[in-house]
Amino acid sequence: MTYLIGADMNAIPAGKRFRALMSQKGIMQIPGAHNGQAALQAKDNGFNALYLSGAAMTASMGLPDLGIITVEDVCFFIRQIVRSSGLPLLVDGDTGYGETLNVMHMVRAFEDAGAAAVHIEDQILPKKCGHLNDKKLVSPQDMAQKVAAAAKARRDMVIIARTDAAGSEGSMVRWPEPACITRPGRMRFFQKH
């Protein structure tokens, strides 16, 4: 009963716990959980962190993953998953729900709801699910502004910038390098300074 008993709640902020898991050797295994029951099943099977997919969220609402859900819709899922499991949660932040001020609002709302980390993608609105073709991307400069805004808004949250360039442009190199650590794959992790 993680949520109801105060003594069972973790005093270490979720972002710090997620960052500690990232620093461990090996591949960080993060199963998807779209509700509290799935979160409990993952926890019962020994996982230490969870992922909330935009596609899974929207599908559970009977909607397509086209960027039509709101920050508050996502916060409902975040609270449900974090309250039930107590695990650090990485959340799909789509495009940040708009421009820089919207990104800052999203980060504050997600972190207040209990999220440990968020990934923001570089598509223009209206966005498409990452698995679909013909995605249009914002400029690298616009994406860098969104990531900087997200970093400015957070307290402890891990900010992850995700690109759809490989599928859209056939390229992995899109963004300037300052203040980031490049990892294999399609994500860049921006560390708190």
N, C-alpha and C. Protein backbone atom coordinates (compact mmCIF):
# COMPACT_ATOMS: atom_id res chain seq x y z
N MET A 1 0.84 -1.19 0.00
CA MET A 1 0.00 0.00 0.00
C MET A 1 0.88 1.24 0.00
N THR A 2 1.74 1.34 -0.99
CA THR A 2 2.73 2.42 -1.08
C THR A 2 2.13 3.79 -0.88
N TYR A 3 1.01 4.07 -1.52
CA TYR A 3 0.46 5.42 -1.53
C TYR A 3 -0.19 5.81 -0.20
N LEU A 4 -0.82 4.89 0.49
CA LEU A 4 -1.59 5.23 1.68
C LEU A 4 -0.76 5.32 2.95
N ILE A 5 0.35 4.64 3.00
CA ILE A 5 1.17 4.61 4.22
C ILE A 5 2.41 5.48 4.00
N GLY A 6 2.46 6.57 4.71
CA GLY A 6 3.54 7.54 4.54
C GLY A 6 4.93 6.94 4.71
N ALA A 7 5.08 6.03 5.66
CA ALA A 7 6.39 5.43 5.94
C ALA A 7 6.87 4.57 4.77
N ASP A 8 5.95 4.12 3.91
CA ASP A 8 6.33 3.30 2.75
C ASP A 8 6.81 4.13 1.57
N MET A 9 6.60 5.44 1.63
CA MET A 9 6.98 6.29 0.51
C MET A 9 8.47 6.56 0.53
N ASN A 10 9.08 6.58 -0.64
CA ASN A 10 10.51 6.81 -0.76
C ASN A 10 10.81 8.28 -0.59
N ALA A 11 11.74 8.62 0.30
CA ALA A 11 12.10 10.01 0.56
C ALA A 11 13.03 10.58 -0.51
N ILE A 12 13.67 9.71 -1.29
CA ILE A 12 14.58 10.17 -2.35
C ILE A 12 13.75 10.52 -3.57
N PRO A 13 13.94 11.72 -4.14
CA PRO A 13 13.16 12.11 -5.32
C PRO A 13 13.31 11.09 -6.46
N ALA A 14 12.22 10.92 -7.21
CA ALA A 14 12.18 9.93 -8.28
C ALA A 14 13.28 10.14 -9.31
N GLY A 15 13.57 11.39 -9.66
CA GLY A 15 14.63 11.67 -10.63
C GLY A 15 15.99 11.19 -10.16
N LYS A 16 16.28 11.36 -8.88
CA LYS A 16 17.56 10.90 -8.33
C LYS A 16 17.62 9.37 -8.34
N ARG A 17 16.50 8.71 -8.04
CA ARG A 17 16.48 7.25 -8.07
C ARG A 17 16.66 6.73 -9.49
N PHE A 18 16.04 7.40 -10.46
CA PHE A 18 16.18 7.01 -11.87
C PHE A 18 17.63 7.20 -12.32
N ARG A 19 18.24 8.33 -11.95
CA ARG A 19 19.62 8.61 -12.30
C ARG A 19 20.56 7.56 -11.70
N ALA A 20 20.28 7.13 -10.48
CA ALA A 20 21.10 6.09 -9.84
C ALA A 20 20.99 4.77 -10.60
N LEU A 21 19.79 4.44 -11.06
CA LEU A 21 19.62 3.22 -11.86
C LEU A 21 20.37 3.33 -13.19
N MET A 22 20.36 4.52 -13.80
CA MET A 22 21.08 4.72 -15.06
C MET A 22 22.59 4.55 -14.89
N SER A 23 23.10 4.85 -13.71
CA SER A 23 24.55 4.78 -13.50
C SER A 23 25.05 3.36 -13.23
N GLN A 24 24.14 2.42 -13.04
CA GLN A 24 24.55 1.04 -12.81
C GLN A 24 25.05 0.40 -14.10
N LYS A 25 25.89 -0.60 -13.95
CA LYS A 25 26.40 -1.32 -15.12
C LYS A 25 25.28 -2.12 -15.78
N GLY A 26 25.42 -2.31 -17.08
CA GLY A 26 24.46 -3.11 -17.81
C GLY A 26 23.35 -2.27 -18.42
N ILE A 27 22.46 -2.96 -19.06
CA ILE A 27 21.33 -2.31 -19.73
C ILE A 27 20.21 -2.13 -18.73
N MET A 28 19.67 -0.93 -18.68
CA MET A 28 18.55 -0.63 -17.80
C MET A 28 17.27 -1.18 -18.45
N GLN A 29 16.65 -2.13 -17.81
CA GLN A 29 15.44 -2.75 -18.34
C GLN A 29 14.22 -2.05 -17.76
N ILE A 30 13.42 -1.44 -18.67
CA ILE A 30 12.27 -0.66 -18.24
C ILE A 30 11.03 -1.14 -19.01
N PRO A 31 10.19 -1.95 -18.39
CA PRO A 31 8.98 -2.38 -19.08
C PRO A 31 7.94 -1.26 -19.13
N GLY A 32 7.08 -1.34 -20.11
CA GLY A 32 5.99 -0.38 -20.21
C GLY A 32 4.86 -0.74 -19.26
N ALA A 33 4.26 0.28 -18.67
CA ALA A 33 3.09 0.11 -17.81
C ALA A 33 2.13 1.25 -18.11
N HIS A 34 0.93 0.92 -18.52
CA HIS A 34 -0.03 1.97 -18.88
C HIS A 34 -1.08 2.22 -17.81
N ASN A 35 -1.02 1.47 -16.71
CA ASN A 35 -1.93 1.71 -15.59
C ASN A 35 -1.32 1.12 -14.31
N GLY A 36 -2.02 1.33 -13.20
CA GLY A 36 -1.52 0.86 -11.91
C GLY A 36 -1.37 -0.65 -11.82
N GLN A 37 -2.29 -1.40 -12.40
CA GLN A 37 -2.21 -2.86 -12.35
C GLN A 37 -0.99 -3.37 -13.11
N ALA A 38 -0.74 -2.84 -14.30
CA ALA A 38 0.46 -3.23 -15.06
C ALA A 38 1.72 -2.86 -14.30
N ALA A 39 1.70 -1.72 -13.61
CA ALA A 39 2.85 -1.28 -12.82
C ALA A 39 3.14 -2.27 -11.68
N LEU A 40 2.08 -2.71 -11.01
CA LEU A 40 2.26 -3.68 -9.93
C LEU A 40 2.78 -5.01 -10.44
N GLN A 41 2.30 -5.45 -11.60
CA GLN A 41 2.79 -6.70 -12.19
C GLN A 41 4.27 -6.60 -12.52
N ALA A 42 4.69 -5.46 -13.08
CA ALA A 42 6.11 -5.27 -13.40
C ALA A 42 6.95 -5.27 -12.12
N LYS A 43 6.48 -4.57 -11.10
CA LYS A 43 7.21 -4.52 -9.83
C LYS A 43 7.31 -5.92 -9.22
N ASP A 44 6.21 -6.66 -9.25
CA ASP A 44 6.20 -8.02 -8.70
C ASP A 44 7.15 -8.95 -9.45
N ASN A 45 7.49 -8.60 -10.69
CA ASN A 45 8.42 -9.40 -11.48
C ASN A 45 9.85 -8.87 -11.41
N GLY A 46 10.12 -7.98 -10.45
CA GLY A 46 11.49 -7.58 -10.16
C GLY A 46 12.02 -6.37 -10.89
N PHE A 47 11.19 -5.64 -11.64
CA PHE A 47 11.67 -4.46 -12.33
C PHE A 47 11.80 -3.29 -11.36
N ASN A 48 12.79 -2.42 -11.62
CA ASN A 48 13.10 -1.30 -10.71
C ASN A 48 12.65 0.05 -11.24
N ALA A 49 12.17 0.11 -12.48
CA ALA A 49 11.69 1.36 -13.08
C ALA A 49 10.65 0.98 -14.14
N LEU A 50 9.86 1.97 -14.54
CA LEU A 50 8.79 1.73 -15.51
C LEU A 50 8.79 2.80 -16.59
N TYR A 51 8.13 2.48 -17.72
CA TYR A 51 8.00 3.40 -18.83
C TYR A 51 6.52 3.58 -19.17
N LEU A 52 6.08 4.82 -19.31
CA LEU A 52 4.71 5.13 -19.71
C LEU A 52 4.75 5.62 -21.15
N SER A 53 4.29 4.77 -22.06
CA SER A 53 4.29 5.04 -23.49
C SER A 53 3.08 5.87 -23.89
N GLY A 54 3.30 6.84 -24.75
CA GLY A 54 2.19 7.62 -25.27
C GLY A 54 1.23 6.76 -26.07
N ALA A 55 1.76 5.83 -26.85
CA ALA A 55 0.91 4.95 -27.65
C ALA A 55 0.06 4.06 -26.75
N ALA A 56 0.64 3.52 -25.68
CA ALA A 56 -0.12 2.67 -24.76
C ALA A 56 -1.19 3.47 -24.03
N MET A 57 -0.83 4.68 -23.61
CA MET A 57 -1.80 5.54 -22.93
C MET A 57 -3.01 5.83 -23.82
N THR A 58 -2.70 6.32 -25.02
CA THR A 58 -3.79 6.70 -25.92
C THR A 58 -4.62 5.49 -26.33
N ALA A 59 -3.97 4.35 -26.57
CA ALA A 59 -4.72 3.14 -26.93
C ALA A 59 -5.66 2.74 -25.80
N SER A 60 -5.21 2.87 -24.55
CA SER A 60 -6.07 2.50 -23.42
C SER A 60 -7.25 3.46 -23.29
N MET A 61 -7.15 4.63 -23.91
CA MET A 61 -8.24 5.61 -23.93
C MET A 61 -9.09 5.48 -25.19
N GLY A 62 -8.71 4.55 -26.07
CA GLY A 62 -9.44 4.37 -27.31
C GLY A 62 -9.14 5.44 -28.34
N LEU A 63 -7.93 6.03 -28.25
CA LEU A 63 -7.53 7.13 -29.14
C LEU A 63 -6.27 6.76 -29.92
N PRO A 64 -6.05 7.38 -31.08
CA PRO A 64 -4.79 7.17 -31.80
C PRO A 64 -3.68 8.02 -31.17
N ASP A 65 -2.42 7.60 -31.37
CA ASP A 65 -1.27 8.34 -30.83
C ASP A 65 -0.88 9.44 -31.81
N LEU A 66 -1.64 10.52 -31.78
CA LEU A 66 -1.42 11.63 -32.71
C LEU A 66 -1.26 12.96 -31.97
N GLY A 67 -0.90 12.91 -30.70
CA GLY A 67 -0.66 14.13 -29.95
C GLY A 67 -1.93 14.84 -29.52
N ILE A 68 -3.03 14.11 -29.32
CA ILE A 68 -4.28 14.76 -28.98
C ILE A 68 -4.63 14.68 -27.49
N ILE A 69 -3.84 13.94 -26.71
CA ILE A 69 -4.09 13.93 -25.27
C ILE A 69 -3.41 15.14 -24.64
N THR A 70 -3.81 15.48 -23.43
CA THR A 70 -3.31 16.68 -22.77
C THR A 70 -2.31 16.34 -21.67
N VAL A 71 -1.63 17.35 -21.17
CA VAL A 71 -0.72 17.19 -20.03
C VAL A 71 -1.48 16.59 -18.85
N GLU A 72 -2.68 17.09 -18.59
CA GLU A 72 -3.47 16.59 -17.46
C GLU A 72 -3.89 15.14 -17.66
N ASP A 73 -4.19 14.74 -18.90
CA ASP A 73 -4.48 13.33 -19.16
C ASP A 73 -3.29 12.47 -18.73
N VAL A 74 -2.10 12.89 -19.12
CA VAL A 74 -0.89 12.12 -18.81
C VAL A 74 -0.64 12.10 -17.30
N CYS A 75 -0.87 13.23 -16.63
CA CYS A 75 -0.66 13.29 -15.18
C CYS A 75 -1.53 12.28 -14.44
N PHE A 76 -2.75 12.05 -14.93
CA PHE A 76 -3.63 11.04 -14.33
C PHE A 76 -2.94 9.67 -14.35
N PHE A 77 -2.35 9.31 -15.50
CA PHE A 77 -1.66 8.02 -15.63
C PHE A 77 -0.41 7.98 -14.77
N ILE A 78 0.35 9.09 -14.75
CA ILE A 78 1.57 9.14 -13.92
C ILE A 78 1.23 8.88 -12.46
N ARG A 79 0.26 9.63 -11.95
CA ARG A 79 -0.12 9.48 -10.53
C ARG A 79 -0.55 8.04 -10.24
N GLN A 80 -1.34 7.45 -11.10
CA GLN A 80 -1.84 6.08 -10.92
C GLN A 80 -0.68 5.08 -10.84
N ILE A 81 0.26 5.20 -11.76
CA ILE A 81 1.38 4.25 -11.83
C ILE A 81 2.34 4.45 -10.67
N VAL A 82 2.68 5.69 -10.35
CA VAL A 82 3.63 5.97 -9.28
C VAL A 82 3.03 5.62 -7.92
N ARG A 83 1.77 5.95 -7.71
CA ARG A 83 1.13 5.63 -6.43
C ARG A 83 1.05 4.13 -6.21
N SER A 84 0.75 3.38 -7.24
CA SER A 84 0.58 1.94 -7.07
C SER A 84 1.91 1.21 -6.89
N SER A 85 2.95 1.65 -7.60
CA SER A 85 4.21 0.89 -7.60
C SER A 85 5.32 1.51 -6.76
N GLY A 86 5.34 2.84 -6.67
CA GLY A 86 6.45 3.51 -5.99
C GLY A 86 7.74 3.51 -6.79
N LEU A 87 7.69 3.02 -8.04
CA LEU A 87 8.90 2.93 -8.87
C LEU A 87 9.14 4.22 -9.66
N PRO A 88 10.40 4.52 -9.99
CA PRO A 88 10.69 5.66 -10.86
C PRO A 88 10.08 5.42 -12.24
N LEU A 89 9.48 6.46 -12.80
CA LEU A 89 8.73 6.34 -14.05
C LEU A 89 9.29 7.28 -15.12
N LEU A 90 9.65 6.70 -16.28
CA LEU A 90 10.02 7.46 -17.48
C LEU A 90 8.75 7.65 -18.29
N VAL A 91 8.44 8.91 -18.65
CA VAL A 91 7.19 9.23 -19.33
C VAL A 91 7.47 9.76 -20.74
N ASP A 92 6.65 9.32 -21.68
CA ASP A 92 6.67 9.84 -23.05
C ASP A 92 6.03 11.22 -23.03
N GLY A 93 6.83 12.25 -23.27
CA GLY A 93 6.34 13.63 -23.26
C GLY A 93 5.99 14.15 -24.64
N ASP A 94 5.87 13.25 -25.62
CA ASP A 94 5.57 13.66 -26.99
C ASP A 94 6.47 14.83 -27.40
N THR A 95 5.91 15.89 -27.92
CA THR A 95 6.69 17.04 -28.39
C THR A 95 6.84 18.10 -27.30
N GLY A 96 6.40 17.78 -26.10
CA GLY A 96 6.41 18.76 -25.02
C GLY A 96 5.11 19.55 -24.96
N TYR A 97 4.14 19.17 -25.79
CA TYR A 97 2.81 19.78 -25.81
C TYR A 97 2.83 21.24 -26.24
N GLY A 98 3.77 21.58 -27.10
CA GLY A 98 3.82 22.95 -27.63
C GLY A 98 5.25 23.47 -27.66
N GLU A 99 5.37 24.76 -27.48
CA GLU A 99 6.69 25.41 -27.53
C GLU A 99 7.30 25.47 -26.13
N THR A 100 8.31 26.31 -25.94
CA THR A 100 9.14 26.27 -24.72
C THR A 100 8.34 26.45 -23.43
N LEU A 101 7.41 27.39 -23.37
CA LEU A 101 6.64 27.57 -22.14
C LEU A 101 5.76 26.36 -21.86
N ASN A 102 5.21 25.76 -22.92
CA ASN A 102 4.41 24.55 -22.76
C ASN A 102 5.28 23.40 -22.25
N VAL A 103 6.50 23.31 -22.76
CA VAL A 103 7.44 22.27 -22.32
C VAL A 103 7.73 22.45 -20.83
N MET A 104 7.96 23.68 -20.42
CA MET A 104 8.23 23.94 -19.00
C MET A 104 7.03 23.54 -18.14
N HIS A 105 5.83 23.87 -18.59
CA HIS A 105 4.62 23.49 -17.86
C HIS A 105 4.51 21.97 -17.78
N MET A 106 4.78 21.28 -18.88
CA MET A 106 4.72 19.82 -18.90
C MET A 106 5.70 19.23 -17.88
N VAL A 107 6.93 19.71 -17.87
CA VAL A 107 7.93 19.19 -16.93
C VAL A 107 7.48 19.40 -15.50
N ARG A 108 7.00 20.59 -15.16
CA ARG A 108 6.56 20.86 -13.79
C ARG A 108 5.38 19.94 -13.42
N ALA A 109 4.40 19.83 -14.33
CA ALA A 109 3.23 19.02 -14.04
C ALA A 109 3.60 17.54 -13.89
N PHE A 110 4.43 17.03 -14.79
CA PHE A 110 4.83 15.62 -14.72
C PHE A 110 5.63 15.35 -13.45
N GLU A 111 6.56 16.24 -13.13
CA GLU A 111 7.38 16.03 -11.93
C GLU A 111 6.51 16.11 -10.67
N ASP A 112 5.59 17.07 -10.63
CA ASP A 112 4.69 17.17 -9.48
C ASP A 112 3.81 15.93 -9.35
N ALA A 113 3.45 15.29 -10.47
CA ALA A 113 2.63 14.08 -10.45
C ALA A 113 3.44 12.86 -10.02
N GLY A 114 4.79 12.95 -10.05
CA GLY A 114 5.63 11.85 -9.59
C GLY A 114 6.57 11.25 -10.62
N ALA A 115 6.60 11.78 -11.84
CA ALA A 115 7.49 11.24 -12.87
C ALA A 115 8.96 11.46 -12.51
N ALA A 116 9.79 10.50 -12.87
CA ALA A 116 11.24 10.58 -12.64
C ALA A 116 11.97 11.14 -13.85
N ALA A 117 11.45 10.85 -15.04
CA ALA A 117 12.13 11.22 -16.28
C ALA A 117 11.09 11.44 -17.37
N VAL A 118 11.47 12.22 -18.37
CA VAL A 118 10.58 12.46 -19.51
C VAL A 118 11.43 12.47 -20.77
N HIS A 119 10.88 11.93 -21.85
CA HIS A 119 11.55 12.11 -23.13
C HIS A 119 10.68 12.99 -24.02
N ILE A 120 11.36 13.88 -24.73
CA ILE A 120 10.72 14.84 -25.63
C ILE A 120 11.22 14.55 -27.03
N GLU A 121 10.31 14.50 -28.00
CA GLU A 121 10.70 14.19 -29.36
C GLU A 121 10.72 15.44 -30.23
N ASP A 122 11.36 15.33 -31.38
CA ASP A 122 11.60 16.49 -32.24
C ASP A 122 10.65 16.60 -33.42
N GLN A 123 9.42 16.12 -33.27
CA GLN A 123 8.44 16.26 -34.34
C GLN A 123 7.70 17.60 -34.24
N ILE A 124 7.16 18.03 -35.37
CA ILE A 124 6.27 19.19 -35.35
C ILE A 124 4.86 18.71 -35.07
N LEU A 125 4.02 19.63 -34.64
CA LEU A 125 2.61 19.30 -34.42
C LEU A 125 1.83 19.50 -35.71
N PRO A 126 0.85 18.70 -36.03
CA PRO A 126 0.46 17.52 -35.27
C PRO A 126 1.46 16.40 -35.45
N LYS A 127 1.80 15.73 -34.35
CA LYS A 127 2.79 14.66 -34.36
C LYS A 127 2.16 13.35 -34.79
N LYS A 128 3.02 12.39 -35.06
CA LYS A 128 2.58 11.02 -35.37
C LYS A 128 3.28 10.08 -34.41
N CYS A 129 2.70 8.92 -34.21
CA CYS A 129 3.35 7.88 -33.43
C CYS A 129 4.72 7.61 -34.06
N GLY A 130 5.73 7.37 -33.23
CA GLY A 130 7.08 7.15 -33.73
C GLY A 130 7.23 6.01 -34.71
N HIS A 131 6.26 5.09 -34.74
CA HIS A 131 6.31 3.94 -35.64
C HIS A 131 5.78 4.26 -37.03
N LEU A 132 5.15 5.42 -37.21
CA LEU A 132 4.54 5.76 -38.49
C LEU A 132 5.52 6.48 -39.41
N ASN A 133 5.22 6.49 -40.70
CA ASN A 133 6.07 7.14 -41.70
C ASN A 133 5.72 8.62 -41.85
N ASP A 134 6.58 9.33 -42.59
CA ASP A 134 6.35 10.72 -42.98
C ASP A 134 6.21 11.68 -41.80
N LYS A 135 7.04 11.50 -40.80
CA LYS A 135 7.05 12.44 -39.68
C LYS A 135 7.83 13.68 -40.10
N LYS A 136 7.38 14.84 -39.66
CA LYS A 136 8.06 16.11 -39.93
C LYS A 136 8.74 16.56 -38.65
N LEU A 137 9.97 17.07 -38.78
CA LEU A 137 10.77 17.41 -37.61
C LEU A 137 10.99 18.91 -37.47
N VAL A 138 11.10 19.35 -36.21
CA VAL A 138 11.47 20.73 -35.93
C VAL A 138 12.96 20.90 -36.23
N SER A 139 13.42 22.12 -36.29
CA SER A 139 14.85 22.36 -36.52
C SER A 139 15.65 21.93 -35.29
N PRO A 140 16.92 21.60 -35.47
CA PRO A 140 17.75 21.27 -34.30
C PRO A 140 17.79 22.41 -33.28
N GLN A 141 17.76 23.66 -33.75
CA GLN A 141 17.79 24.81 -32.85
C GLN A 141 16.51 24.88 -32.01
N ASP A 142 15.36 24.63 -32.64
CA ASP A 142 14.10 24.63 -31.89
C ASP A 142 14.08 23.52 -30.85
N MET A 143 14.61 22.36 -31.22
CA MET A 143 14.66 21.25 -30.28
C MET A 143 15.59 21.58 -29.12
N ALA A 144 16.72 22.19 -29.41
CA ALA A 144 17.66 22.57 -28.34
C ALA A 144 17.00 23.56 -27.37
N GLN A 145 16.17 24.46 -27.89
CA GLN A 145 15.45 25.41 -27.02
C GLN A 145 14.46 24.68 -26.12
N LYS A 146 13.78 23.68 -26.66
CA LYS A 146 12.83 22.92 -25.86
C LYS A 146 13.54 22.16 -24.74
N VAL A 147 14.67 21.55 -25.08
CA VAL A 147 15.42 20.79 -24.08
C VAL A 147 15.97 21.72 -23.00
N ALA A 148 16.46 22.89 -23.40
CA ALA A 148 16.95 23.87 -22.43
C ALA A 148 15.82 24.33 -21.52
N ALA A 149 14.65 24.55 -22.08
CA ALA A 149 13.49 24.96 -21.28
C ALA A 149 13.10 23.87 -20.30
N ALA A 150 13.11 22.62 -20.75
CA ALA A 150 12.79 21.50 -19.87
C ALA A 150 13.78 21.41 -18.72
N ALA A 151 15.06 21.58 -19.03
CA ALA A 151 16.10 21.52 -18.00
C ALA A 151 15.95 22.65 -16.99
N LYS A 152 15.53 23.81 -17.46
CA LYS A 152 15.34 24.96 -16.57
C LYS A 152 14.15 24.74 -15.62
N ALA A 153 13.13 24.03 -16.08
CA ALA A 153 11.91 23.84 -15.31
C ALA A 153 12.01 22.74 -14.25
N ARG A 154 12.88 21.77 -14.44
CA ARG A 154 12.91 20.60 -13.55
C ARG A 154 13.57 20.89 -12.21
N ARG A 155 13.26 20.02 -11.27
CA ARG A 155 13.98 20.00 -10.00
C ARG A 155 15.01 18.87 -10.06
N ASP A 156 14.52 17.62 -10.18
CA ASP A 156 15.40 16.45 -10.22
C ASP A 156 15.15 15.57 -11.43
N MET A 157 14.16 15.89 -12.23
CA MET A 157 13.76 15.04 -13.34
C MET A 157 14.87 14.87 -14.37
N VAL A 158 14.98 13.67 -14.91
CA VAL A 158 15.92 13.39 -16.00
C VAL A 158 15.23 13.78 -17.30
N ILE A 159 15.91 14.58 -18.12
CA ILE A 159 15.37 15.03 -19.40
C ILE A 159 16.07 14.24 -20.51
N ILE A 160 15.27 13.62 -21.37
CA ILE A 160 15.80 12.82 -22.48
C ILE A 160 15.26 13.41 -23.78
N ALA A 161 16.16 13.74 -24.68
CA ALA A 161 15.75 14.23 -26.00
C ALA A 161 15.78 13.07 -26.98
N ARG A 162 14.67 12.89 -27.70
CA ARG A 162 14.54 11.78 -28.64
C ARG A 162 14.34 12.32 -30.05
N THR A 163 15.03 11.72 -31.01
CA THR A 163 14.85 12.16 -32.39
C THR A 163 14.20 11.08 -33.24
N ASP A 164 13.40 11.53 -34.18
CA ASP A 164 12.83 10.64 -35.20
C ASP A 164 13.57 10.83 -36.52
N ALA A 165 14.79 11.37 -36.47
CA ALA A 165 15.55 11.67 -37.68
C ALA A 165 15.89 10.42 -38.48
N ALA A 166 16.19 9.32 -37.82
CA ALA A 166 16.58 8.11 -38.56
C ALA A 166 15.46 7.66 -39.49
N GLY A 167 14.23 7.69 -39.02
CA GLY A 167 13.11 7.28 -39.84
C GLY A 167 12.67 8.33 -40.83
N SER A 168 12.90 9.61 -40.50
CA SER A 168 12.42 10.69 -41.36
C SER A 168 13.47 11.20 -42.34
N GLU A 169 14.71 11.27 -41.87
CA GLU A 169 15.78 11.86 -42.68
C GLU A 169 16.90 10.88 -42.99
N GLY A 170 16.84 9.68 -42.40
CA GLY A 170 17.90 8.71 -42.60
C GLY A 170 19.19 9.09 -41.91
N SER A 171 19.10 9.95 -40.90
CA SER A 171 20.28 10.46 -40.22
C SER A 171 20.10 10.38 -38.72
N MET A 172 21.19 10.17 -38.01
CA MET A 172 21.13 10.18 -36.56
C MET A 172 21.70 11.48 -35.99
N VAL A 173 22.45 12.22 -36.76
CA VAL A 173 23.12 13.41 -36.24
C VAL A 173 22.27 14.63 -36.57
N ARG A 174 21.63 15.21 -35.55
CA ARG A 174 20.76 16.36 -35.77
C ARG A 174 21.06 17.50 -34.82
N TRP A 175 21.49 17.19 -33.61
CA TRP A 175 21.50 18.20 -32.56
C TRP A 175 22.90 18.64 -32.20
N PRO A 176 23.01 19.86 -31.71
CA PRO A 176 24.29 20.31 -31.15
C PRO A 176 24.62 19.51 -29.89
N GLU A 177 25.90 19.40 -29.57
CA GLU A 177 26.36 18.53 -28.49
C GLU A 177 26.46 19.14 -27.09
N PRO A 178 26.37 20.45 -26.88
CA PRO A 178 26.69 20.95 -25.54
C PRO A 178 25.80 20.37 -24.44
N ALA A 179 26.41 20.14 -23.30
CA ALA A 179 25.73 19.73 -22.07
C ALA A 179 25.03 18.38 -22.18
N CYS A 180 25.45 17.54 -23.11
CA CYS A 180 24.78 16.24 -23.18
C CYS A 180 25.79 15.12 -23.25
N ILE A 181 25.33 13.96 -22.85
CA ILE A 181 26.12 12.74 -22.94
C ILE A 181 25.44 11.88 -23.98
N THR A 182 26.16 11.49 -25.00
CA THR A 182 25.57 10.68 -26.06
C THR A 182 25.60 9.22 -25.65
N ARG A 183 24.49 8.56 -25.82
CA ARG A 183 24.36 7.14 -25.54
C ARG A 183 24.06 6.43 -26.86
N PRO A 184 24.34 5.14 -26.95
CA PRO A 184 23.96 4.41 -28.16
C PRO A 184 22.45 4.48 -28.37
N GLY A 185 22.02 4.45 -29.59
CA GLY A 185 20.60 4.47 -29.89
C GLY A 185 20.12 5.84 -30.29
N ARG A 186 18.87 6.12 -30.01
CA ARG A 186 18.23 7.32 -30.51
C ARG A 186 17.95 8.35 -29.43
N MET A 187 18.55 8.24 -28.27
CA MET A 187 18.24 9.18 -27.20
C MET A 187 19.51 9.85 -26.69
N ARG A 188 19.33 11.05 -26.23
CA ARG A 188 20.44 11.77 -25.59
C ARG A 188 19.97 12.18 -24.22
N PHE A 189 20.83 11.97 -23.24
CA PHE A 189 20.49 12.23 -21.85
C PHE A 189 21.16 13.52 -21.42
N PHE A 190 20.38 14.48 -20.99
CA PHE A 190 20.90 15.78 -20.57
C PHE A 190 20.99 15.77 -19.05
N GLN A 191 22.20 15.96 -18.57
CA GLN A 191 22.45 15.88 -17.14
C GLN A 191 22.21 17.23 -16.47
N LYS A 192 21.79 17.17 -15.22
CA LYS A 192 21.58 18.37 -14.42
C LYS A 192 22.95 18.93 -14.02
N HIS A 193 23.09 20.24 -14.14
CA HIS A 193 24.35 20.89 -13.75
C HIS A 193 24.20 21.68 -12.49
